[in-house]
Amino acid sequence: MRSLRAVHDLSVFRRFLSLLASRHGQVLNRSDLAGPLGLSVPTVSAWLRVLETTGQVVLVPPYFENFGKRLIKSPRFYWLDSGLVRHLLGLRDHSQLEASPFLGPVFDGAVAAELLKLQVNAGRRRELYFFRDERGLEVDFIISRPGGKLALLEAKASKTVVPADAGPMNRLGAPATTERWVVHGGTQPLTVAPGVRAVPLGDLASALGA
C-alpha cells in the first residue's frame, strides 16, 4: 500500500482498516468512513482504490438492468480474505466468529470471493452484482450464466436452510429461466423451494458447473 499510495500516518491507516472491516458486507458510504477518521472523502476513495487494485477488497455494484424497481445505487463492500477480516475484527477463533454479529457478513464475503475465483479461473470477466431496492428487497449476489441467463444467489451462514430463505429471490420478479441458489454453511445439498437449490459453500463450484 505504501509503495502505491502515500500513507503518512500509519496509525490513522490502521484505524481506517479496522473501521473498514466493521463495514464488511455493507453498502459502501465513503462519508461514513471519512468522518470518524478526520479524512477527506477523496483520501478514503484513493485508499479504497489501492485496496481494490491489490486484490484485498471488492466493490460489488448493484444490478440495475431491468427488474423494474427503484434501486440503491451504491456498491457493496467485501474483504476477499475472510482470515484477514476476522483478524481486523479481533475474532481469534471460529467460536468467537460464530458468536459474533459478523458471522453472516464474513460468510457472505467468502461466497463473493468464491464466485469471483470461479469466474477468473474459467477465463471469464469478473461479473458480480447484488440487488437492493428502496423498499428493502434484497438479493445477495447476481451472476451471469451461459446463454445470457442469470443466477440469483442468497448466502446463509446457517447450517440449516428453510423455504423462507428463498423468499427475496422469488419476490424479485426475475424471468422464470433465472437460476436460484441458496449457498449455506451446512454440508448437504437440497431443494429448498420449487426451482431453488441449496448448496454448501464447498460444493458451489461443482453446482455451477465450473
N, C-alpha and C. Protein backbone atom coordinates (compact mmCIF):
# COMPACT_ATOMS: atom_id res chain seq x y z
N MET A 1 0.83 -1.21 0.00
CA MET A 1 0.00 0.00 0.00
C MET A 1 0.86 1.26 0.00
N ARG A 2 1.88 1.28 0.86
CA ARG A 2 2.68 2.50 0.99
C ARG A 2 3.50 2.77 -0.27
N SER A 3 3.83 1.70 -1.02
CA SER A 3 4.58 1.91 -2.25
C SER A 3 3.71 2.42 -3.38
N LEU A 4 2.40 2.22 -3.27
CA LEU A 4 1.49 2.66 -4.32
C LEU A 4 0.81 3.99 -4.00
N ARG A 5 0.70 4.28 -2.73
CA ARG A 5 -0.03 5.49 -2.33
C ARG A 5 0.61 6.05 -1.07
N ALA A 6 0.86 7.31 -1.03
CA ALA A 6 1.48 7.91 0.14
C ALA A 6 0.57 7.77 1.35
N VAL A 7 1.02 7.04 2.36
CA VAL A 7 0.31 6.89 3.61
C VAL A 7 1.24 7.43 4.70
N HIS A 8 0.98 8.65 5.15
CA HIS A 8 1.92 9.32 6.04
C HIS A 8 1.68 8.94 7.50
N ASP A 9 0.44 8.74 7.90
CA ASP A 9 0.13 8.45 9.29
C ASP A 9 -0.38 7.01 9.39
N LEU A 10 0.50 6.10 9.79
CA LEU A 10 0.12 4.69 9.82
C LEU A 10 -0.94 4.40 10.87
N SER A 11 -0.96 5.16 11.95
CA SER A 11 -1.97 4.92 12.99
C SER A 11 -3.37 5.19 12.44
N VAL A 12 -3.51 6.26 11.64
CA VAL A 12 -4.81 6.55 11.02
C VAL A 12 -5.16 5.47 10.01
N PHE A 13 -4.15 5.01 9.27
CA PHE A 13 -4.42 3.98 8.28
C PHE A 13 -4.86 2.68 8.94
N ARG A 14 -4.26 2.33 10.06
CA ARG A 14 -4.69 1.12 10.77
C ARG A 14 -6.12 1.27 11.27
N ARG A 15 -6.46 2.45 11.76
CA ARG A 15 -7.85 2.70 12.18
C ARG A 15 -8.79 2.62 10.99
N PHE A 16 -8.34 3.10 9.85
CA PHE A 16 -9.13 3.01 8.62
C PHE A 16 -9.41 1.55 8.28
N LEU A 17 -8.41 0.68 8.37
CA LEU A 17 -8.60 -0.74 8.06
C LEU A 17 -9.58 -1.38 9.03
N SER A 18 -9.46 -1.05 10.31
CA SER A 18 -10.38 -1.62 11.30
C SER A 18 -11.81 -1.15 11.09
N LEU A 19 -11.96 0.15 10.79
CA LEU A 19 -13.29 0.68 10.52
C LEU A 19 -13.86 0.05 9.26
N LEU A 20 -13.03 -0.14 8.26
CA LEU A 20 -13.47 -0.76 7.02
C LEU A 20 -13.90 -2.21 7.27
N ALA A 21 -13.21 -2.89 8.16
CA ALA A 21 -13.60 -4.26 8.49
C ALA A 21 -14.98 -4.29 9.14
N SER A 22 -15.29 -3.30 9.94
CA SER A 22 -16.61 -3.26 10.59
C SER A 22 -17.72 -2.96 9.60
N ARG A 23 -17.38 -2.51 8.39
CA ARG A 23 -18.38 -2.25 7.34
C ARG A 23 -18.44 -3.40 6.32
N HIS A 24 -17.76 -4.49 6.61
CA HIS A 24 -17.71 -5.65 5.70
C HIS A 24 -19.13 -6.13 5.37
N GLY A 25 -19.43 -6.21 4.08
CA GLY A 25 -20.74 -6.70 3.65
C GLY A 25 -21.81 -5.64 3.58
N GLN A 26 -21.48 -4.38 3.86
CA GLN A 26 -22.47 -3.32 3.84
C GLN A 26 -22.40 -2.50 2.56
N VAL A 27 -23.46 -1.76 2.29
CA VAL A 27 -23.44 -0.80 1.19
C VAL A 27 -22.43 0.29 1.55
N LEU A 28 -21.55 0.60 0.63
CA LEU A 28 -20.43 1.49 0.91
C LEU A 28 -20.89 2.94 1.02
N ASN A 29 -20.44 3.59 2.10
CA ASN A 29 -20.68 5.01 2.31
C ASN A 29 -19.34 5.66 2.66
N ARG A 30 -18.73 6.31 1.70
CA ARG A 30 -17.39 6.87 1.91
C ARG A 30 -17.38 7.98 2.96
N SER A 31 -18.44 8.77 3.02
CA SER A 31 -18.51 9.83 4.04
C SER A 31 -18.57 9.24 5.43
N ASP A 32 -19.24 8.11 5.58
CA ASP A 32 -19.34 7.42 6.87
C ASP A 32 -17.97 6.92 7.32
N LEU A 33 -17.09 6.61 6.37
CA LEU A 33 -15.73 6.19 6.70
C LEU A 33 -14.83 7.39 6.98
N ALA A 34 -14.99 8.45 6.22
CA ALA A 34 -14.10 9.60 6.34
C ALA A 34 -14.31 10.37 7.63
N GLY A 35 -15.57 10.58 8.02
CA GLY A 35 -15.89 11.41 9.17
C GLY A 35 -15.19 11.01 10.47
N PRO A 36 -15.35 9.75 10.94
CA PRO A 36 -14.75 9.36 12.22
C PRO A 36 -13.23 9.44 12.23
N LEU A 37 -12.60 9.40 11.06
CA LEU A 37 -11.14 9.39 10.99
C LEU A 37 -10.55 10.77 10.69
N GLY A 38 -11.41 11.75 10.45
CA GLY A 38 -10.92 13.07 10.10
C GLY A 38 -10.24 13.12 8.75
N LEU A 39 -10.67 12.24 7.83
CA LEU A 39 -10.10 12.19 6.49
C LEU A 39 -11.06 12.83 5.50
N SER A 40 -10.54 13.16 4.33
CA SER A 40 -11.41 13.64 3.26
C SER A 40 -11.96 12.44 2.49
N VAL A 41 -13.09 12.64 1.85
CA VAL A 41 -13.67 11.58 1.03
C VAL A 41 -12.72 11.18 -0.11
N PRO A 42 -12.05 12.13 -0.80
CA PRO A 42 -11.09 11.73 -1.83
C PRO A 42 -9.96 10.83 -1.29
N THR A 43 -9.49 11.09 -0.06
CA THR A 43 -8.45 10.24 0.51
C THR A 43 -8.98 8.83 0.75
N VAL A 44 -10.18 8.72 1.31
CA VAL A 44 -10.80 7.41 1.52
C VAL A 44 -10.97 6.69 0.19
N SER A 45 -11.41 7.40 -0.83
CA SER A 45 -11.60 6.79 -2.15
C SER A 45 -10.28 6.30 -2.72
N ALA A 46 -9.21 7.09 -2.52
CA ALA A 46 -7.90 6.69 -3.04
C ALA A 46 -7.39 5.44 -2.33
N TRP A 47 -7.55 5.38 -1.01
CA TRP A 47 -7.12 4.19 -0.27
C TRP A 47 -7.94 2.97 -0.68
N LEU A 48 -9.22 3.16 -0.89
CA LEU A 48 -10.07 2.05 -1.33
C LEU A 48 -9.64 1.54 -2.71
N ARG A 49 -9.27 2.47 -3.60
CA ARG A 49 -8.85 2.05 -4.94
C ARG A 49 -7.59 1.18 -4.87
N VAL A 50 -6.67 1.54 -3.99
CA VAL A 50 -5.45 0.74 -3.87
C VAL A 50 -5.77 -0.63 -3.29
N LEU A 51 -6.63 -0.69 -2.28
CA LEU A 51 -7.03 -1.98 -1.72
C LEU A 51 -7.71 -2.85 -2.78
N GLU A 52 -8.52 -2.21 -3.62
CA GLU A 52 -9.21 -2.96 -4.68
C GLU A 52 -8.22 -3.41 -5.75
N THR A 53 -7.30 -2.53 -6.14
CA THR A 53 -6.32 -2.86 -7.17
C THR A 53 -5.41 -4.00 -6.74
N THR A 54 -5.07 -4.05 -5.47
CA THR A 54 -4.18 -5.10 -4.97
C THR A 54 -4.92 -6.36 -4.54
N GLY A 55 -6.22 -6.43 -4.81
CA GLY A 55 -6.97 -7.65 -4.56
C GLY A 55 -7.35 -7.91 -3.12
N GLN A 56 -7.32 -6.87 -2.29
CA GLN A 56 -7.70 -7.04 -0.89
C GLN A 56 -9.22 -6.96 -0.70
N VAL A 57 -9.87 -6.11 -1.48
CA VAL A 57 -11.30 -5.89 -1.32
C VAL A 57 -11.96 -5.90 -2.69
N VAL A 58 -13.27 -6.01 -2.68
CA VAL A 58 -14.05 -5.90 -3.91
C VAL A 58 -15.26 -5.03 -3.63
N LEU A 59 -15.58 -4.17 -4.58
CA LEU A 59 -16.80 -3.37 -4.52
C LEU A 59 -17.79 -3.99 -5.50
N VAL A 60 -18.86 -4.55 -4.98
CA VAL A 60 -19.86 -5.24 -5.80
C VAL A 60 -20.93 -4.24 -6.21
N PRO A 61 -21.06 -3.94 -7.50
CA PRO A 61 -22.03 -2.93 -7.92
C PRO A 61 -23.46 -3.48 -7.90
N PRO A 62 -24.45 -2.59 -7.83
CA PRO A 62 -25.85 -3.04 -7.89
C PRO A 62 -26.22 -3.44 -9.31
N TYR A 63 -27.11 -4.41 -9.41
CA TYR A 63 -27.63 -4.84 -10.71
C TYR A 63 -28.85 -3.98 -11.01
N PHE A 64 -28.86 -3.33 -12.17
CA PHE A 64 -29.96 -2.41 -12.46
C PHE A 64 -30.46 -2.55 -13.89
N GLU A 65 -30.30 -3.74 -14.48
CA GLU A 65 -30.67 -3.88 -15.89
C GLU A 65 -32.17 -3.74 -16.12
N ASN A 66 -32.98 -4.49 -15.39
CA ASN A 66 -34.39 -4.41 -15.76
C ASN A 66 -35.38 -4.76 -14.68
N PHE A 67 -35.16 -5.16 -13.55
CA PHE A 67 -36.19 -5.70 -12.68
C PHE A 67 -37.30 -4.72 -12.32
N GLY A 68 -37.25 -3.52 -12.91
CA GLY A 68 -38.39 -2.61 -12.84
C GLY A 68 -38.62 -2.00 -11.48
N LYS A 69 -37.56 -1.73 -10.70
CA LYS A 69 -37.73 -1.18 -9.38
C LYS A 69 -36.76 -0.01 -9.19
N ARG A 70 -37.04 0.84 -8.21
CA ARG A 70 -36.13 1.93 -7.87
C ARG A 70 -35.03 1.36 -6.99
N LEU A 71 -33.79 1.55 -7.41
CA LEU A 71 -32.69 0.79 -6.83
C LEU A 71 -31.74 1.65 -6.00
N ILE A 72 -31.08 0.96 -5.05
CA ILE A 72 -29.94 1.55 -4.37
C ILE A 72 -28.77 1.57 -5.36
N LYS A 73 -28.05 2.68 -5.45
CA LYS A 73 -27.03 2.83 -6.50
C LYS A 73 -25.60 2.64 -6.00
N SER A 74 -25.37 2.62 -4.70
CA SER A 74 -24.01 2.48 -4.18
C SER A 74 -23.59 1.02 -4.18
N PRO A 75 -22.28 0.75 -4.31
CA PRO A 75 -21.80 -0.64 -4.30
C PRO A 75 -21.77 -1.21 -2.89
N ARG A 76 -21.68 -2.50 -2.82
CA ARG A 76 -21.49 -3.19 -1.55
C ARG A 76 -20.02 -3.58 -1.43
N PHE A 77 -19.52 -3.54 -0.22
CA PHE A 77 -18.08 -3.71 0.02
C PHE A 77 -17.79 -5.04 0.72
N TYR A 78 -16.78 -5.78 0.23
CA TYR A 78 -16.34 -7.02 0.89
C TYR A 78 -14.82 -7.09 0.92
N TRP A 79 -14.27 -7.56 2.02
CA TRP A 79 -12.90 -8.06 2.04
C TRP A 79 -12.89 -9.42 1.37
N LEU A 80 -11.86 -9.72 0.60
CA LEU A 80 -11.80 -11.00 -0.11
C LEU A 80 -11.13 -12.10 0.70
N ASP A 81 -10.38 -11.74 1.72
CA ASP A 81 -9.70 -12.73 2.56
C ASP A 81 -10.44 -12.80 3.90
N SER A 82 -11.20 -13.87 4.12
CA SER A 82 -12.00 -13.96 5.33
C SER A 82 -11.12 -14.04 6.58
N GLY A 83 -9.90 -14.61 6.45
CA GLY A 83 -8.99 -14.65 7.59
C GLY A 83 -8.52 -13.27 7.98
N LEU A 84 -8.24 -12.42 6.97
CA LEU A 84 -7.78 -11.06 7.24
C LEU A 84 -8.88 -10.24 7.91
N VAL A 85 -10.10 -10.34 7.43
CA VAL A 85 -11.16 -9.53 8.03
C VAL A 85 -11.46 -10.02 9.45
N ARG A 86 -11.35 -11.31 9.70
CA ARG A 86 -11.52 -11.81 11.07
C ARG A 86 -10.44 -11.25 11.98
N HIS A 87 -9.21 -11.17 11.48
CA HIS A 87 -8.11 -10.60 12.27
C HIS A 87 -8.38 -9.13 12.58
N LEU A 88 -8.81 -8.38 11.57
CA LEU A 88 -9.08 -6.96 11.77
C LEU A 88 -10.24 -6.73 12.75
N LEU A 89 -11.16 -7.69 12.80
CA LEU A 89 -12.30 -7.58 13.72
C LEU A 89 -11.97 -8.12 15.11
N GLY A 90 -10.78 -8.67 15.28
CA GLY A 90 -10.38 -9.20 16.58
C GLY A 90 -11.01 -10.53 16.93
N LEU A 91 -11.43 -11.28 15.92
CA LEU A 91 -12.06 -12.60 16.15
C LEU A 91 -10.97 -13.66 16.06
N ARG A 92 -10.57 -14.22 17.20
CA ARG A 92 -9.38 -15.07 17.26
C ARG A 92 -9.63 -16.50 16.79
N ASP A 93 -10.85 -17.01 16.92
CA ASP A 93 -11.09 -18.39 16.52
C ASP A 93 -12.54 -18.52 16.04
N HIS A 94 -12.87 -19.74 15.60
CA HIS A 94 -14.19 -19.95 15.00
C HIS A 94 -15.32 -19.78 16.00
N SER A 95 -15.07 -20.14 17.26
CA SER A 95 -16.13 -19.99 18.26
C SER A 95 -16.48 -18.52 18.47
N GLN A 96 -15.46 -17.65 18.45
CA GLN A 96 -15.74 -16.22 18.56
C GLN A 96 -16.50 -15.71 17.34
N LEU A 97 -16.14 -16.23 16.16
CA LEU A 97 -16.85 -15.83 14.95
C LEU A 97 -18.32 -16.23 15.01
N GLU A 98 -18.58 -17.47 15.45
CA GLU A 98 -19.97 -17.95 15.48
C GLU A 98 -20.82 -17.17 16.46
N ALA A 99 -20.21 -16.61 17.50
CA ALA A 99 -20.95 -15.82 18.48
C ALA A 99 -21.02 -14.35 18.10
N SER A 100 -20.41 -13.99 16.99
CA SER A 100 -20.30 -12.59 16.60
C SER A 100 -21.40 -12.19 15.63
N PRO A 101 -21.81 -10.92 15.65
CA PRO A 101 -22.76 -10.44 14.64
C PRO A 101 -22.16 -10.39 13.24
N PHE A 102 -20.84 -10.61 13.14
CA PHE A 102 -20.19 -10.57 11.84
C PHE A 102 -20.16 -11.93 11.15
N LEU A 103 -20.75 -12.97 11.76
CA LEU A 103 -20.74 -14.29 11.13
C LEU A 103 -21.36 -14.23 9.73
N GLY A 104 -22.53 -13.62 9.60
CA GLY A 104 -23.20 -13.53 8.30
C GLY A 104 -22.38 -12.79 7.26
N PRO A 105 -21.89 -11.56 7.57
CA PRO A 105 -21.07 -10.85 6.59
C PRO A 105 -19.79 -11.58 6.21
N VAL A 106 -19.13 -12.23 7.17
CA VAL A 106 -17.91 -12.97 6.83
C VAL A 106 -18.24 -14.12 5.88
N PHE A 107 -19.34 -14.81 6.12
CA PHE A 107 -19.75 -15.90 5.21
C PHE A 107 -20.10 -15.33 3.84
N ASP A 108 -20.83 -14.23 3.81
CA ASP A 108 -21.18 -13.60 2.53
C ASP A 108 -19.92 -13.24 1.74
N GLY A 109 -18.92 -12.71 2.44
CA GLY A 109 -17.68 -12.36 1.77
C GLY A 109 -16.96 -13.57 1.20
N ALA A 110 -17.04 -14.69 1.92
CA ALA A 110 -16.43 -15.92 1.41
C ALA A 110 -17.14 -16.39 0.15
N VAL A 111 -18.46 -16.23 0.09
CA VAL A 111 -19.22 -16.59 -1.11
C VAL A 111 -18.82 -15.67 -2.27
N ALA A 112 -18.72 -14.37 -2.00
CA ALA A 112 -18.31 -13.42 -3.05
C ALA A 112 -16.94 -13.78 -3.60
N ALA A 113 -15.99 -14.09 -2.71
CA ALA A 113 -14.64 -14.45 -3.15
C ALA A 113 -14.65 -15.72 -3.99
N GLU A 114 -15.47 -16.69 -3.60
CA GLU A 114 -15.53 -17.94 -4.35
C GLU A 114 -16.12 -17.72 -5.74
N LEU A 115 -17.16 -16.92 -5.84
CA LEU A 115 -17.77 -16.64 -7.14
C LEU A 115 -16.78 -15.94 -8.07
N LEU A 116 -16.06 -14.96 -7.56
CA LEU A 116 -15.07 -14.26 -8.38
C LEU A 116 -13.94 -15.20 -8.80
N LYS A 117 -13.51 -16.06 -7.89
CA LYS A 117 -12.45 -17.00 -8.21
C LYS A 117 -12.88 -17.96 -9.32
N LEU A 118 -14.12 -18.42 -9.25
CA LEU A 118 -14.63 -19.32 -10.29
C LEU A 118 -14.64 -18.64 -11.65
N GLN A 119 -15.06 -17.38 -11.68
CA GLN A 119 -15.09 -16.66 -12.95
C GLN A 119 -13.69 -16.46 -13.52
N VAL A 120 -12.75 -16.05 -12.68
CA VAL A 120 -11.38 -15.81 -13.15
C VAL A 120 -10.74 -17.11 -13.61
N ASN A 121 -10.91 -18.19 -12.85
CA ASN A 121 -10.30 -19.47 -13.22
C ASN A 121 -10.89 -20.04 -14.51
N ALA A 122 -12.12 -19.64 -14.83
CA ALA A 122 -12.75 -20.10 -16.06
C ALA A 122 -12.43 -19.19 -17.24
N GLY A 123 -11.61 -18.16 -17.01
CA GLY A 123 -11.24 -17.24 -18.08
C GLY A 123 -12.32 -16.26 -18.45
N ARG A 124 -13.27 -16.03 -17.53
CA ARG A 124 -14.36 -15.10 -17.81
C ARG A 124 -14.13 -13.78 -17.10
N ARG A 125 -14.87 -12.78 -17.51
CA ARG A 125 -14.82 -11.49 -16.83
C ARG A 125 -15.38 -11.61 -15.43
N ARG A 126 -14.89 -10.77 -14.55
CA ARG A 126 -15.46 -10.72 -13.21
C ARG A 126 -16.77 -9.95 -13.28
N GLU A 127 -17.87 -10.65 -13.13
CA GLU A 127 -19.20 -10.03 -13.19
C GLU A 127 -19.99 -10.50 -11.97
N LEU A 128 -20.00 -9.66 -10.96
CA LEU A 128 -20.70 -9.98 -9.72
C LEU A 128 -21.49 -8.75 -9.30
N TYR A 129 -22.77 -8.96 -9.03
CA TYR A 129 -23.66 -7.86 -8.67
C TYR A 129 -24.49 -8.25 -7.46
N PHE A 130 -25.14 -7.25 -6.88
CA PHE A 130 -26.17 -7.52 -5.87
C PHE A 130 -27.40 -6.71 -6.24
N PHE A 131 -28.52 -7.01 -5.60
CA PHE A 131 -29.76 -6.28 -5.86
C PHE A 131 -30.33 -5.79 -4.55
N ARG A 132 -30.71 -4.51 -4.54
CA ARG A 132 -31.43 -3.96 -3.38
C ARG A 132 -32.24 -2.77 -3.85
N ASP A 133 -33.54 -2.78 -3.57
CA ASP A 133 -34.35 -1.64 -3.97
C ASP A 133 -34.64 -0.76 -2.76
N GLU A 134 -35.33 0.35 -3.00
CA GLU A 134 -35.55 1.33 -1.94
C GLU A 134 -36.54 0.85 -0.89
N ARG A 135 -37.24 -0.26 -1.17
CA ARG A 135 -38.16 -0.83 -0.19
C ARG A 135 -37.51 -1.92 0.65
N GLY A 136 -36.25 -2.21 0.38
CA GLY A 136 -35.54 -3.19 1.19
C GLY A 136 -35.49 -4.59 0.61
N LEU A 137 -36.10 -4.82 -0.55
CA LEU A 137 -35.99 -6.14 -1.18
C LEU A 137 -34.55 -6.32 -1.63
N GLU A 138 -33.94 -7.44 -1.26
CA GLU A 138 -32.51 -7.59 -1.45
C GLU A 138 -32.17 -9.03 -1.83
N VAL A 139 -31.27 -9.18 -2.79
CA VAL A 139 -30.69 -10.47 -3.16
C VAL A 139 -29.17 -10.30 -3.09
N ASP A 140 -28.50 -11.24 -2.43
CA ASP A 140 -27.09 -11.05 -2.11
C ASP A 140 -26.21 -10.94 -3.36
N PHE A 141 -26.39 -11.87 -4.32
CA PHE A 141 -25.50 -11.88 -5.47
C PHE A 141 -26.26 -12.24 -6.75
N ILE A 142 -25.82 -11.64 -7.85
CA ILE A 142 -26.32 -11.97 -9.18
C ILE A 142 -25.12 -12.17 -10.08
N ILE A 143 -25.09 -13.28 -10.81
CA ILE A 143 -24.01 -13.53 -11.76
C ILE A 143 -24.61 -13.91 -13.11
N SER A 144 -23.82 -13.73 -14.16
CA SER A 144 -24.27 -14.14 -15.50
C SER A 144 -23.97 -15.62 -15.68
N ARG A 145 -24.79 -16.26 -16.51
CA ARG A 145 -24.67 -17.70 -16.78
C ARG A 145 -24.65 -17.91 -18.29
N PRO A 146 -24.23 -19.08 -18.73
CA PRO A 146 -24.19 -19.34 -20.17
C PRO A 146 -25.54 -19.10 -20.84
N GLY A 147 -25.49 -18.65 -22.08
CA GLY A 147 -26.71 -18.39 -22.83
C GLY A 147 -27.41 -17.10 -22.46
N GLY A 148 -26.69 -16.19 -21.78
CA GLY A 148 -27.29 -14.92 -21.42
C GLY A 148 -28.24 -14.98 -20.24
N LYS A 149 -28.25 -16.10 -19.53
CA LYS A 149 -29.13 -16.22 -18.36
C LYS A 149 -28.46 -15.63 -17.13
N LEU A 150 -29.24 -15.56 -16.06
CA LEU A 150 -28.73 -15.05 -14.79
C LEU A 150 -28.89 -16.13 -13.72
N ALA A 151 -28.10 -15.99 -12.66
CA ALA A 151 -28.28 -16.79 -11.46
C ALA A 151 -28.36 -15.86 -10.27
N LEU A 152 -29.36 -16.06 -9.43
CA LEU A 152 -29.51 -15.34 -8.18
C LEU A 152 -29.00 -16.22 -7.05
N LEU A 153 -28.27 -15.64 -6.11
CA LEU A 153 -27.73 -16.42 -5.01
C LEU A 153 -27.95 -15.69 -3.69
N GLU A 154 -28.49 -16.41 -2.72
CA GLU A 154 -28.59 -15.93 -1.36
C GLU A 154 -27.56 -16.67 -0.51
N ALA A 155 -26.83 -15.96 0.32
CA ALA A 155 -25.81 -16.56 1.20
C ALA A 155 -26.36 -16.64 2.62
N LYS A 156 -26.32 -17.83 3.20
CA LYS A 156 -26.81 -18.06 4.56
C LYS A 156 -25.76 -18.84 5.34
N ALA A 157 -25.21 -18.23 6.38
CA ALA A 157 -24.17 -18.88 7.16
C ALA A 157 -24.71 -20.07 7.95
N SER A 158 -26.01 -20.13 8.16
CA SER A 158 -26.62 -21.20 8.93
C SER A 158 -26.38 -22.56 8.29
N LYS A 159 -26.32 -23.59 9.12
CA LYS A 159 -26.16 -24.96 8.62
C LYS A 159 -27.50 -25.55 8.20
N THR A 160 -28.59 -24.89 8.48
CA THR A 160 -29.91 -25.33 8.06
C THR A 160 -30.52 -24.28 7.15
N VAL A 161 -31.35 -24.73 6.22
CA VAL A 161 -31.97 -23.84 5.24
C VAL A 161 -33.47 -24.07 5.29
N VAL A 162 -34.25 -23.00 5.23
CA VAL A 162 -35.71 -23.09 5.25
C VAL A 162 -36.26 -22.42 3.99
N PRO A 163 -37.50 -22.76 3.59
CA PRO A 163 -38.06 -22.17 2.37
C PRO A 163 -38.07 -20.65 2.37
N ALA A 164 -38.20 -20.03 3.55
CA ALA A 164 -38.24 -18.57 3.60
C ALA A 164 -36.94 -17.94 3.11
N ASP A 165 -35.84 -18.71 3.15
CA ASP A 165 -34.57 -18.18 2.66
C ASP A 165 -34.61 -17.86 1.17
N ALA A 166 -35.51 -18.50 0.45
CA ALA A 166 -35.65 -18.25 -0.98
C ALA A 166 -36.62 -17.12 -1.28
N GLY A 167 -37.26 -16.56 -0.25
CA GLY A 167 -38.29 -15.55 -0.45
C GLY A 167 -37.86 -14.34 -1.26
N PRO A 168 -36.73 -13.69 -0.94
CA PRO A 168 -36.35 -12.50 -1.72
C PRO A 168 -36.16 -12.79 -3.20
N MET A 169 -35.56 -13.93 -3.52
CA MET A 169 -35.35 -14.26 -4.93
C MET A 169 -36.67 -14.46 -5.65
N ASN A 170 -37.62 -15.10 -4.97
CA ASN A 170 -38.91 -15.37 -5.61
C ASN A 170 -39.76 -14.12 -5.74
N ARG A 171 -39.54 -13.14 -4.87
CA ARG A 171 -40.32 -11.89 -4.95
C ARG A 171 -39.74 -10.90 -5.94
N LEU A 172 -38.57 -11.18 -6.45
CA LEU A 172 -37.89 -10.22 -7.30
C LEU A 172 -38.58 -10.03 -8.65
N GLY A 173 -39.27 -11.04 -9.13
CA GLY A 173 -39.92 -10.93 -10.43
C GLY A 173 -38.97 -11.16 -11.58
N ALA A 174 -37.90 -11.94 -11.34
CA ALA A 174 -36.95 -12.26 -12.40
C ALA A 174 -37.56 -13.28 -13.36
N PRO A 175 -37.05 -13.38 -14.59
CA PRO A 175 -37.57 -14.36 -15.55
C PRO A 175 -37.54 -15.78 -15.00
N ALA A 176 -38.45 -16.61 -15.47
CA ALA A 176 -38.53 -17.99 -14.98
C ALA A 176 -37.27 -18.78 -15.28
N THR A 177 -36.51 -18.37 -16.29
CA THR A 177 -35.29 -19.09 -16.65
C THR A 177 -34.12 -18.78 -15.71
N THR A 178 -34.30 -17.83 -14.81
CA THR A 178 -33.23 -17.45 -13.90
C THR A 178 -32.97 -18.54 -12.87
N GLU A 179 -31.73 -18.93 -12.71
CA GLU A 179 -31.38 -19.92 -11.69
C GLU A 179 -31.45 -19.26 -10.31
N ARG A 180 -31.81 -20.08 -9.31
CA ARG A 180 -31.91 -19.59 -7.94
C ARG A 180 -31.18 -20.56 -7.01
N TRP A 181 -30.25 -20.01 -6.23
CA TRP A 181 -29.43 -20.83 -5.34
C TRP A 181 -29.40 -20.20 -3.94
N VAL A 182 -29.40 -21.07 -2.93
CA VAL A 182 -29.08 -20.64 -1.57
C VAL A 182 -27.77 -21.32 -1.20
N VAL A 183 -26.73 -20.53 -0.92
CA VAL A 183 -25.43 -21.07 -0.53
C VAL A 183 -25.36 -21.02 0.99
N HIS A 184 -25.13 -22.17 1.63
CA HIS A 184 -25.26 -22.23 3.09
C HIS A 184 -24.02 -22.84 3.74
N GLY A 185 -24.02 -22.80 5.07
CA GLY A 185 -22.88 -23.27 5.84
C GLY A 185 -22.97 -24.71 6.27
N GLY A 186 -23.95 -25.44 5.75
CA GLY A 186 -24.10 -26.86 6.09
C GLY A 186 -23.26 -27.75 5.20
N THR A 187 -23.66 -29.02 5.12
CA THR A 187 -22.87 -30.00 4.38
C THR A 187 -23.65 -30.71 3.28
N GLN A 188 -24.98 -30.54 3.22
CA GLN A 188 -25.77 -31.32 2.28
C GLN A 188 -26.51 -30.42 1.28
N PRO A 189 -26.47 -30.76 -0.01
CA PRO A 189 -27.32 -30.05 -0.98
C PRO A 189 -28.76 -30.50 -0.86
N LEU A 190 -29.70 -29.63 -1.18
CA LEU A 190 -31.11 -30.00 -1.13
C LEU A 190 -31.92 -29.00 -1.94
N THR A 191 -33.16 -29.36 -2.20
CA THR A 191 -34.10 -28.44 -2.84
C THR A 191 -34.89 -27.77 -1.73
N VAL A 192 -34.78 -26.45 -1.64
CA VAL A 192 -35.38 -25.72 -0.52
C VAL A 192 -36.76 -25.19 -0.85
N ALA A 193 -37.03 -24.98 -2.15
CA ALA A 193 -38.32 -24.49 -2.61
C ALA A 193 -38.39 -24.81 -4.10
N PRO A 194 -39.58 -24.78 -4.71
CA PRO A 194 -39.66 -25.07 -6.14
C PRO A 194 -38.73 -24.18 -6.95
N GLY A 195 -37.82 -24.80 -7.69
CA GLY A 195 -36.89 -24.06 -8.54
C GLY A 195 -35.71 -23.46 -7.81
N VAL A 196 -35.55 -23.76 -6.53
CA VAL A 196 -34.46 -23.18 -5.73
C VAL A 196 -33.65 -24.31 -5.11
N ARG A 197 -32.35 -24.36 -5.44
CA ARG A 197 -31.45 -25.36 -4.87
C ARG A 197 -30.62 -24.73 -3.77
N ALA A 198 -30.39 -25.49 -2.70
CA ALA A 198 -29.50 -25.08 -1.63
C ALA A 198 -28.24 -25.93 -1.72
N VAL A 199 -27.08 -25.28 -1.64
CA VAL A 199 -25.82 -25.97 -1.83
C VAL A 199 -24.80 -25.47 -0.81
N PRO A 200 -24.02 -26.37 -0.20
CA PRO A 200 -22.95 -25.91 0.70
C PRO A 200 -21.92 -25.10 -0.05
N LEU A 201 -21.25 -24.20 0.65
CA LEU A 201 -20.25 -23.36 0.02
C LEU A 201 -19.17 -24.20 -0.65
N GLY A 202 -18.77 -25.29 -0.03
CA GLY A 202 -17.72 -26.13 -0.59
C GLY A 202 -18.11 -26.82 -1.88
N ASP A 203 -19.40 -26.91 -2.16
CA ASP A 203 -19.89 -27.56 -3.39
C ASP A 203 -20.32 -26.56 -4.45
N LEU A 204 -20.07 -25.27 -4.21
CA LEU A 204 -20.60 -24.26 -5.12
C LEU A 204 -20.01 -24.39 -6.51
N ALA A 205 -18.71 -24.67 -6.61
CA ALA A 205 -18.08 -24.76 -7.93
C ALA A 205 -18.69 -25.87 -8.76
N SER A 206 -18.85 -27.04 -8.18
CA SER A 206 -19.42 -28.15 -8.95
C SER A 206 -20.88 -27.90 -9.26
N ALA A 207 -21.62 -27.25 -8.35
CA ALA A 207 -23.03 -26.98 -8.60
C ALA A 207 -23.22 -26.03 -9.76
N LEU A 208 -22.31 -25.06 -9.91
CA LEU A 208 -22.43 -24.10 -11.02
C LEU A 208 -21.78 -24.61 -12.29
N GLY A 209 -21.26 -25.84 -12.26
CA GLY A 209 -20.69 -26.41 -13.46
C GLY A 209 -19.35 -25.84 -13.80
N ALA A 210 -18.62 -25.35 -12.80
CA ALA A 210 -17.31 -24.73 -13.06
C ALA A 210 -16.28 -25.76 -13.48
